[in-house]
Protein backbone atom coordinates (compact mmCIF):
# COMPACT_ATOMS: atom_id res chain seq x y z
CA MET A 1 0.00 0.00 0.00
CA LYS A 2 2.84 2.38 0.92
CA ARG A 3 4.55 1.61 -2.39
CA LEU A 4 1.34 2.40 -4.29
CA ILE A 5 0.93 5.74 -2.49
CA LEU A 6 4.60 6.58 -3.12
CA SER A 7 4.22 5.74 -6.84
CA ILE A 8 1.16 7.99 -7.12
CA LEU A 9 3.00 10.87 -5.42
CA ILE A 10 5.96 10.50 -7.80
CA ILE A 11 3.67 10.55 -10.85
CA LEU A 12 1.83 13.64 -9.59
CA THR A 13 5.15 15.39 -8.93
CA LEU A 14 6.37 14.60 -12.46
CA ILE A 15 3.13 15.92 -13.98
CA ASP A 16 3.39 19.11 -11.91
CA CYS A 17 7.04 19.64 -12.94
CA THR A 18 6.15 19.11 -16.60
CA GLN A 19 3.37 21.67 -16.40
CA LYS A 20 5.63 24.20 -14.65
CA SER A 21 8.33 23.72 -17.31
CA ILE A 22 5.98 24.96 -20.05
CA PRO A 23 5.98 28.78 -20.26
CA GLN A 24 2.73 30.55 -19.38
CA ASN A 25 1.92 32.15 -22.74
CA THR A 26 2.14 29.11 -24.95
CA LEU A 27 0.24 27.89 -27.95
CA VAL A 28 0.30 24.13 -27.50
CA THR A 29 -2.02 21.58 -29.05
CA ASN A 30 -2.30 17.83 -28.79
CA ASN A 31 -3.78 17.66 -32.29
CA ILE A 32 -2.90 20.36 -34.81
CA PHE A 33 -5.68 19.23 -37.17
CA GLU A 34 -8.26 19.78 -34.44
CA PHE A 35 -6.70 23.09 -33.46
CA PHE A 36 -7.04 24.50 -36.98
CA LYS A 37 -10.42 22.92 -37.75
CA TYR A 38 -12.98 25.70 -37.77
CA LYS A 39 -15.69 25.41 -35.16
CA GLU A 40 -18.32 27.92 -34.09
CA GLY A 41 -16.94 30.11 -31.33
CA ARG A 42 -13.30 29.39 -32.15
CA LYS A 43 -10.99 31.97 -30.59
CA PRO A 44 -8.93 33.98 -33.12
CA ASN A 45 -5.14 33.80 -33.21
CA ILE A 46 -2.24 36.07 -34.07
CA SER A 47 0.51 35.00 -36.46
CA ALA A 48 3.70 37.04 -36.11
CA HIS A 49 4.94 37.73 -39.65
CA ARG A 50 8.63 36.84 -40.05
CA GLY A 51 8.62 35.88 -36.40
CA GLY A 52 7.61 39.27 -35.06
CA GLY A 53 10.78 41.02 -36.16
CA ASP A 54 9.31 44.50 -36.54
CA TYR A 55 10.08 45.73 -33.04
CA PRO A 56 13.25 47.70 -32.16
CA GLY A 57 16.16 45.46 -31.17
CA TYR A 58 14.48 42.29 -32.43
CA PRO A 59 15.43 41.15 -35.96
CA GLU A 60 13.11 39.09 -38.12
CA ASN A 61 13.46 35.30 -38.28
CA CYS A 62 15.49 34.70 -35.13
CA ILE A 63 14.79 32.78 -31.94
CA GLU A 64 15.32 35.82 -29.70
CA SER A 65 12.48 37.61 -31.48
CA PHE A 66 10.26 34.52 -31.35
CA ASP A 67 10.92 34.33 -27.62
CA PHE A 68 10.23 38.05 -27.09
CA ILE A 69 6.77 37.65 -28.64
CA ALA A 70 5.93 34.23 -27.18
CA LYS A 71 6.65 35.30 -23.60
CA GLN A 72 3.95 37.94 -23.83
CA MET A 73 1.17 36.26 -25.80
CA PRO A 74 0.17 32.91 -27.31
CA VAL A 75 1.37 33.18 -30.89
CA ILE A 76 1.76 31.45 -34.23
CA ILE A 77 5.22 32.16 -35.63
CA GLU A 78 5.43 32.63 -39.40
CA CYS A 79 9.06 32.25 -40.43
CA ASP A 80 11.13 31.78 -43.58
CA ILE A 81 13.48 28.96 -44.57
CA GLU A 82 16.44 29.36 -46.91
CA ILE A 83 19.17 26.87 -47.85
CA SER A 84 22.95 27.17 -48.14
CA LYS A 85 25.18 25.75 -50.87
CA ASP A 86 25.95 22.75 -48.63
CA SER A 87 22.23 22.16 -47.91
CA VAL A 88 21.94 23.59 -44.41
CA LEU A 89 18.42 24.92 -43.73
CA PHE A 90 18.35 28.22 -41.86
CA MET A 91 15.99 31.11 -41.19
CA MET A 92 16.09 34.00 -43.67
CA HIS A 93 13.52 35.83 -45.79
CA ASP A 94 15.85 37.30 -48.40
CA ASN A 95 18.12 35.37 -50.76
CA SER A 96 21.07 37.55 -49.72
CA LEU A 97 22.65 38.58 -46.42
CA ASP A 98 22.82 42.29 -47.19
CA ARG A 99 19.63 43.71 -45.66
CA THR A 100 19.32 41.87 -42.36
CA THR A 101 22.89 40.92 -41.40
CA THR A 102 26.47 42.17 -41.25
CA GLY A 103 27.32 39.80 -44.11
CA LYS A 104 27.21 40.25 -47.86
CA GLY A 105 26.20 38.07 -50.81
CA LYS A 106 23.76 35.32 -51.74
CA MET A 107 23.65 32.39 -49.33
CA LEU A 108 22.96 29.82 -52.03
CA SER A 109 26.49 30.39 -53.34
CA MET A 110 28.05 29.98 -49.86
CA ASN A 111 28.49 27.15 -47.38
CA TRP A 112 26.90 27.52 -43.96
CA VAL A 113 30.28 27.91 -42.25
CA ASP A 114 30.96 31.00 -44.40
CA PHE A 115 28.19 33.09 -42.84
CA LYS A 116 26.78 31.32 -39.79
CA ASN A 117 28.46 33.75 -37.38
CA VAL A 118 27.29 37.01 -38.97
CA LYS A 119 25.21 39.25 -36.72
CA LEU A 120 21.59 40.18 -37.36
CA LYS A 121 20.19 43.69 -37.71
CA ASP A 122 16.66 44.77 -36.84
CA ASN A 123 14.38 46.35 -39.44
CA SER A 124 15.76 49.84 -38.79
CA GLY A 125 19.31 48.60 -39.38
CA THR A 126 20.37 48.52 -35.72
CA LEU A 127 23.00 45.85 -35.04
CA THR A 128 22.30 43.11 -32.47
CA ASN A 129 24.35 40.24 -31.02
CA PHE A 130 21.88 37.69 -32.42
CA GLU A 131 22.88 35.15 -35.08
CA ILE A 132 21.02 33.31 -37.85
CA PRO A 133 19.36 30.19 -36.43
CA THR A 134 19.13 26.90 -38.29
CA LEU A 135 15.79 25.22 -38.87
CA ASP A 136 16.90 22.46 -36.51
CA GLN A 137 17.42 24.98 -33.70
CA VAL A 138 14.10 26.67 -34.39
CA LEU A 139 12.12 23.42 -34.39
CA GLU A 140 13.71 22.35 -31.11
CA TRP A 141 13.05 25.71 -29.45
CA GLY A 142 9.42 25.84 -30.59
CA ARG A 143 8.28 22.65 -28.89
CA ASN A 144 5.68 23.44 -26.18
CA ARG A 145 5.99 27.15 -26.95
CA VAL A 146 4.51 28.09 -30.33
CA ILE A 147 2.98 26.81 -33.54
CA TYR A 148 4.96 27.50 -36.72
CA THR A 149 3.83 28.31 -40.21
CA LEU A 150 6.94 27.53 -42.23
CA ASP A 151 7.45 29.62 -45.36
CA VAL A 152 9.64 27.55 -47.67
CA LYS A 153 11.57 29.92 -49.96
CA ARG A 154 11.91 29.31 -53.68
CA ASN A 155 15.38 27.69 -53.57
CA THR A 156 14.52 25.40 -50.67
CA PRO A 157 13.20 21.89 -51.39
CA TYR A 158 10.03 20.92 -49.55
CA GLU A 159 11.50 17.44 -49.14
CA LYS A 160 14.30 18.72 -46.90
CA VAL A 161 11.98 20.85 -44.78
CA ILE A 162 9.57 17.97 -44.23
CA GLU A 163 12.49 15.69 -43.41
CA ALA A 164 13.56 18.14 -40.68
CA VAL A 165 10.00 18.41 -39.32
CA ARG A 166 9.83 14.63 -39.06
CA LYS A 167 13.29 14.38 -37.48
CA HIS A 168 12.29 16.75 -34.70
CA LYS A 169 8.79 15.24 -34.40
CA ALA A 170 7.42 18.72 -35.02
CA GLN A 171 4.39 17.72 -37.12
CA ASN A 172 2.03 18.74 -34.32
CA TYR A 173 3.27 22.32 -34.19
CA SER A 174 4.24 22.97 -37.82
CA VAL A 175 2.17 24.08 -40.82
CA ILE A 176 3.82 24.10 -44.26
CA ILE A 177 3.13 27.22 -46.35
CA THR A 178 2.50 26.78 -50.08
CA TYR A 179 1.61 29.31 -52.76
CA ASP A 180 -0.09 27.29 -55.48
CA VAL A 181 -1.81 23.98 -56.12
CA ASN A 182 1.33 22.23 -57.39
CA GLN A 183 3.28 23.06 -54.24
CA ALA A 184 0.41 21.92 -52.03
CA LYS A 185 0.19 18.66 -53.95
CA ILE A 186 3.92 18.05 -53.46
CA VAL A 187 3.62 18.57 -49.71
CA TYR A 188 0.51 16.41 -49.40
CA GLU A 189 2.08 13.56 -51.36
CA LEU A 190 5.28 13.76 -49.28
CA ASP A 191 3.31 13.55 -46.04
CA PRO A 192 -0.51 13.48 -45.89
CA ASN A 193 -0.29 13.91 -42.11
CA LEU A 194 0.91 17.51 -42.41
CA LEU A 195 -1.27 20.59 -42.31
CA ILE A 196 -0.82 22.89 -45.32
CA SER A 197 -1.35 26.64 -45.65
CA VAL A 198 -2.87 27.19 -49.09
CA THR A 199 -3.79 30.39 -50.93
CA ILE A 200 -7.57 30.43 -51.44
CA ARG A 201 -9.05 33.81 -52.30
CA ASP A 202 -12.17 32.71 -54.17
CA MET A 203 -14.29 29.71 -55.06
CA LYS A 204 -12.29 28.86 -58.19
CA GLU A 205 -9.08 28.55 -56.20
CA TYR A 206 -10.80 26.35 -53.64
CA GLU A 207 -12.04 24.03 -56.39
CA ARG A 208 -8.52 23.71 -57.83
CA TYR A 209 -7.24 22.33 -54.54
CA ARG A 210 -10.12 19.92 -54.25
CA GLU A 211 -9.55 18.71 -57.83
CA ALA A 212 -5.87 18.18 -56.96
CA GLY A 213 -6.93 15.84 -54.16
CA ILE A 214 -6.09 18.04 -51.17
CA PRO A 215 -8.64 17.23 -48.43
CA ASP A 216 -10.37 20.06 -46.57
CA LYS A 217 -8.93 18.77 -43.30
CA ASN A 218 -5.37 19.34 -44.53
CA MET A 219 -5.96 22.97 -45.47
CA VAL A 220 -5.65 26.29 -43.69
CA ALA A 221 -6.75 29.00 -46.13
CA PHE A 222 -4.65 32.11 -46.65
CA ILE A 223 -7.36 34.45 -47.99
CA GLY A 224 -5.07 37.28 -49.10
CA THR A 225 -4.14 40.76 -47.88
CA ARG A 226 -7.40 42.64 -48.47
CA GLU A 227 -10.35 43.05 -46.14
CA PRO A 228 -12.09 39.67 -45.81
CA LYS A 229 -15.37 38.92 -47.53
CA LYS A 230 -17.70 37.45 -44.93
CA GLU A 231 -19.67 35.32 -47.39
CA PHE A 232 -16.53 33.57 -48.65
CA CYS A 233 -15.19 33.08 -45.13
CA ASP A 234 -18.55 31.56 -44.15
CA PHE A 235 -18.23 29.13 -47.06
CA LEU A 236 -14.76 28.00 -45.92
CA HIS A 237 -15.98 27.75 -42.33
CA GLN A 238 -18.77 25.41 -43.45
CA LYS A 239 -16.01 23.18 -44.84
CA GLY A 240 -14.25 23.28 -41.45
CA ILE A 241 -11.39 25.36 -42.91
CA CYS A 242 -9.79 28.13 -40.85
CA THR A 243 -8.75 31.36 -42.55
CA ILE A 244 -5.55 33.41 -42.36
CA LEU A 245 -5.79 37.09 -43.27
CA GLY A 246 -2.52 38.83 -44.15
CA THR A 247 -2.85 42.22 -42.45
CA LEU A 248 0.88 42.76 -43.02
CA GLY A 249 1.36 45.76 -45.24
CA ASN A 250 -1.68 47.87 -46.12
CA LEU A 251 -4.15 46.56 -43.53
CA ASP A 252 -1.62 47.02 -40.70
CA LYS A 253 -1.05 50.58 -41.93
CA MET A 254 -4.81 51.15 -42.02
CA ALA A 255 -5.19 49.93 -38.44
CA ALA A 256 -2.29 52.10 -37.27
CA ALA A 257 -3.90 55.16 -38.91
CA LYS A 258 -7.60 54.61 -38.16
CA GLY A 259 -7.51 52.52 -35.01
CA ASN A 260 -6.62 49.01 -33.86
CA PHE A 261 -10.32 48.18 -33.46
CA LEU A 262 -10.16 47.25 -37.15
CA TYR A 263 -8.41 44.00 -36.26
CA ALA A 264 -11.50 42.94 -34.32
CA GLU A 265 -13.72 43.97 -37.25
CA TRP A 266 -11.75 41.74 -39.63
CA VAL A 267 -12.14 38.85 -37.19
CA LYS A 268 -15.91 39.46 -37.10
CA ASN A 269 -15.92 39.24 -40.90
CA GLY A 270 -14.36 35.79 -40.83
CA ALA A 271 -10.59 36.05 -40.31
CA ASP A 272 -9.56 33.37 -37.82
CA ILE A 273 -5.84 34.15 -37.83
CA LEU A 274 -4.26 37.55 -38.43
CA SER A 275 -0.79 37.43 -39.96
CA THR A 276 0.63 40.76 -38.89
CA ASP A 277 3.73 42.88 -38.31
CA ARG A 278 1.91 44.46 -35.33
CA ALA A 279 1.45 41.37 -33.19
CA PHE A 280 1.00 43.07 -29.82
CA GLU A 281 -1.42 45.70 -31.12
CA ALA A 282 -3.51 43.14 -33.00
CA TYR A 283 -3.59 40.71 -30.07
CA LYS A 284 -4.76 43.40 -27.67
CA ALA A 285 -7.51 44.43 -30.10
CA ILE A 286 -8.90 40.94 -30.66
CA SER A 287 -8.60 39.98 -27.00
CA LYS A 288 -11.21 42.59 -26.10
């Protein structure tokens, strides 16, 4: 009897320690398909464009910026994956080092060792001590912290990204971004157990994905960067498909000029996830 009680106490202690080890503001799901399946009353989410790197001192696409955002709000991290000449996957939006780092030149013509120690600059050009993270580092850091939408840049093979997601067992917190039907089909055929972000801005585009054999349950719909049309969002919702609205760019500027209440209006019109460069402002607006 004493052994049984002792065993129960040990198990409860382990559970408590596990719970305490997970940061407070996390976006964790046991089933990513269920998390992104639209249901009536679903709470909206914020996706930090390029990892939230539009705040002073925090460059885009680096773990320090991801951490800065994730410690203050539950967040989806949208981030970009490039590849080096020797096939190392790392986080970078541009195809050259010039804008965001102290380095120069196109990474595809260089081996990882040639530029891995360059320092990152924030969007105003201010130098930081942060370095370019690899996809491996990002996937490890993100576990029990965030959900990723992984933007696979043109030179980067989907096969290698999916291989990394599998290696780190990150399928339950990773969504693969695609831009057309052919890319979505490649991802689905490589791994039908992955969730895919697909561009669907009207009925014709939706039908193309269905004709290509992409099931509704595998899709999260990026509906573009203009104000959402409620009727079309309602149609996608009836299919169980969540929507991502890109407020980055013009809509963010509109909200900054006219008022952050607009973020809540776009949610009312059917946007389930706001992909934004103003993560804190948008989150505060939709939380009300």
